[in-house]
Amino acid sequence: MPTDRLTPGLKAETVTTVDDKLVVKHMGGDGVLSTPSMIGLMERTSIEAVQAYLPEGHTTVGFEVHVKHFGATPKGKKVTVRAELLEVDGRKLRFKVEAHDEDKKVGDGTHRRAIIAIQREG
């Protein structure tokens, strides 16, 4: 499986408005961005950073997440997530991920994904 198009430095950025699907409400008010939702946004952004560079018929699956979520982002605010490919080790990819809301950095860490062949049904 050729992965020579996957090079460290590939990046992606996504911007999402925090809505009811992304919040946890035990903090009071309309709720804040939940940690699982932030991690999901980090995963999605990591996929976007590399998907166009993968061999045809392949995608990635996450297998490791090391992140800290240290700031609350209220419902209605925008959260910007950035992912940068740091390392390619065979089929394994390592990303730097971070999340910022409109006022501050709210999370960061690393995320690892593995390249897999897409299973065809039929």
Protein backbone atom coordinates (compact mmCIF):
# COMPACT_ATOMS: atom_id res chain seq x y z
CA MET A 1 0.00 0.00 0.00
CA PRO A 2 1.75 3.19 -1.13
CA THR A 3 1.62 5.99 1.46
CA ASP A 4 4.30 8.26 -0.01
CA ARG A 5 1.74 11.08 -0.37
CA LEU A 6 1.26 11.09 3.42
CA THR A 7 3.87 13.43 4.81
CA PRO A 8 4.18 15.15 8.17
CA GLY A 9 2.79 18.66 8.04
CA LEU A 10 -0.54 17.84 6.38
CA LYS A 11 -3.18 19.93 8.16
CA ALA A 12 -6.90 20.52 8.37
CA GLU A 13 -9.11 22.97 10.23
CA THR A 14 -12.83 22.72 10.92
CA VAL A 15 -15.18 25.27 12.46
CA THR A 16 -18.36 24.09 14.16
CA THR A 17 -21.04 25.94 16.09
CA VAL A 18 -21.74 24.18 19.39
CA ASP A 19 -25.37 23.00 19.30
CA ASP A 20 -27.64 20.68 21.31
CA LYS A 21 -26.01 17.55 19.83
CA LEU A 22 -22.58 18.57 21.13
CA VAL A 23 -23.34 19.76 24.67
CA VAL A 24 -23.56 18.35 28.15
CA LYS A 25 -26.03 20.21 30.33
CA HIS A 26 -24.98 19.38 33.91
CA MET A 27 -22.93 22.62 34.01
CA GLY A 28 -26.12 24.71 34.00
CA GLY A 29 -27.45 27.15 31.42
CA ASP A 30 -27.82 25.92 27.85
CA GLY A 31 -24.86 23.57 28.22
CA VAL A 32 -21.23 23.43 27.14
CA LEU A 33 -19.24 21.42 24.58
CA SER A 34 -18.82 17.90 25.97
CA THR A 35 -15.43 16.19 26.05
CA PRO A 36 -16.60 13.29 23.83
CA SER A 37 -17.92 15.80 21.30
CA MET A 38 -14.61 17.70 21.29
CA ILE A 39 -12.75 14.42 20.73
CA GLY A 40 -15.13 13.55 17.89
CA LEU A 41 -14.43 16.89 16.23
CA MET A 42 -10.68 16.26 16.62
CA GLU A 43 -11.06 12.83 15.01
CA ARG A 44 -13.11 14.22 12.11
CA THR A 45 -10.55 16.98 11.49
CA SER A 46 -7.69 14.44 11.54
CA ILE A 47 -9.52 12.40 8.89
CA GLU A 48 -9.93 15.50 6.73
CA ALA A 49 -6.20 16.24 6.96
CA VAL A 50 -5.23 12.97 5.25
CA GLN A 51 -8.20 11.37 3.45
CA ALA A 52 -7.38 12.91 0.05
CA TYR A 53 -3.80 11.57 0.31
CA LEU A 54 -4.68 7.95 1.10
CA PRO A 55 -4.46 5.19 -1.50
CA GLU A 56 -7.77 4.57 -3.29
CA GLY A 57 -10.08 2.28 -1.33
CA HIS A 58 -8.57 3.17 2.05
CA THR A 59 -9.58 5.23 5.06
CA THR A 60 -8.43 5.59 8.66
CA VAL A 61 -9.75 4.47 12.03
CA GLY A 62 -8.83 5.99 15.37
CA PHE A 63 -7.15 3.85 18.00
CA GLU A 64 -5.62 6.22 20.54
CA VAL A 65 -6.53 9.61 21.98
CA HIS A 66 -4.48 11.62 24.50
CA VAL A 67 -6.19 14.98 24.98
CA LYS A 68 -6.97 17.44 27.71
CA HIS A 69 -10.20 19.43 27.73
CA PHE A 70 -9.53 22.44 29.92
CA GLY A 71 -12.02 25.12 28.85
CA ALA A 72 -15.80 25.30 28.60
CA THR A 73 -17.32 26.37 25.28
CA PRO A 74 -20.97 27.42 25.66
CA LYS A 75 -23.71 26.39 23.25
CA GLY A 76 -23.92 28.86 20.37
CA LYS A 77 -20.17 29.60 20.27
CA LYS A 78 -17.93 28.50 17.43
CA VAL A 79 -15.18 25.96 18.08
CA THR A 80 -12.23 25.71 15.70
CA VAL A 81 -10.36 22.40 15.63
CA ARG A 82 -6.97 21.94 14.00
CA ALA A 83 -5.17 18.70 13.23
CA GLU A 84 -1.63 18.29 11.92
CA LEU A 85 -0.05 15.03 10.84
CA LEU A 86 3.13 14.64 12.89
CA GLU A 87 4.32 11.13 12.02
CA VAL A 88 3.74 8.29 9.57
CA ASP A 89 4.86 4.86 10.81
CA GLY A 90 3.75 2.31 8.24
CA ARG A 91 -0.04 2.22 8.51
CA LYS A 92 -0.06 4.24 11.76
CA LEU A 93 -0.50 8.02 11.80
CA ARG A 94 0.03 10.42 14.71
CA PHE A 95 -1.61 13.86 14.84
CA LYS A 96 -1.32 16.97 16.97
CA VAL A 97 -4.85 18.20 17.71
CA GLU A 98 -6.16 21.35 19.35
CA ALA A 99 -9.46 23.14 19.84
CA HIS A 100 -10.13 26.86 20.32
CA ASP A 101 -13.39 28.65 20.91
CA GLU A 102 -13.96 32.29 20.06
CA ASP A 103 -12.08 33.40 23.20
CA LYS A 104 -9.49 30.79 24.19
CA LYS A 105 -7.81 27.44 23.65
CA VAL A 106 -10.07 24.76 25.14
CA GLY A 107 -8.27 21.48 24.40
CA ASP A 108 -5.19 19.87 22.93
CA GLY A 109 -3.24 16.65 22.67
CA THR A 110 -2.41 13.86 20.25
CA HIS A 111 -4.48 11.37 18.30
CA ARG A 112 -3.45 8.21 16.43
CA ARG A 113 -5.19 6.58 13.49
CA ALA A 114 -4.49 3.46 11.40
CA ILE A 115 -4.93 3.17 7.65
CA ILE A 116 -7.33 0.38 6.66
CA ALA A 117 -8.87 -0.94 3.45
CA ILE A 118 -12.55 -0.07 3.08
CA GLN A 119 -14.67 -3.22 3.23
CA ARG A 120 -16.87 -3.60 0.17
CA GLU A 121 -20.28 -5.21 0.66
CA GLY A 122 -21.56 -7.70 -1.84
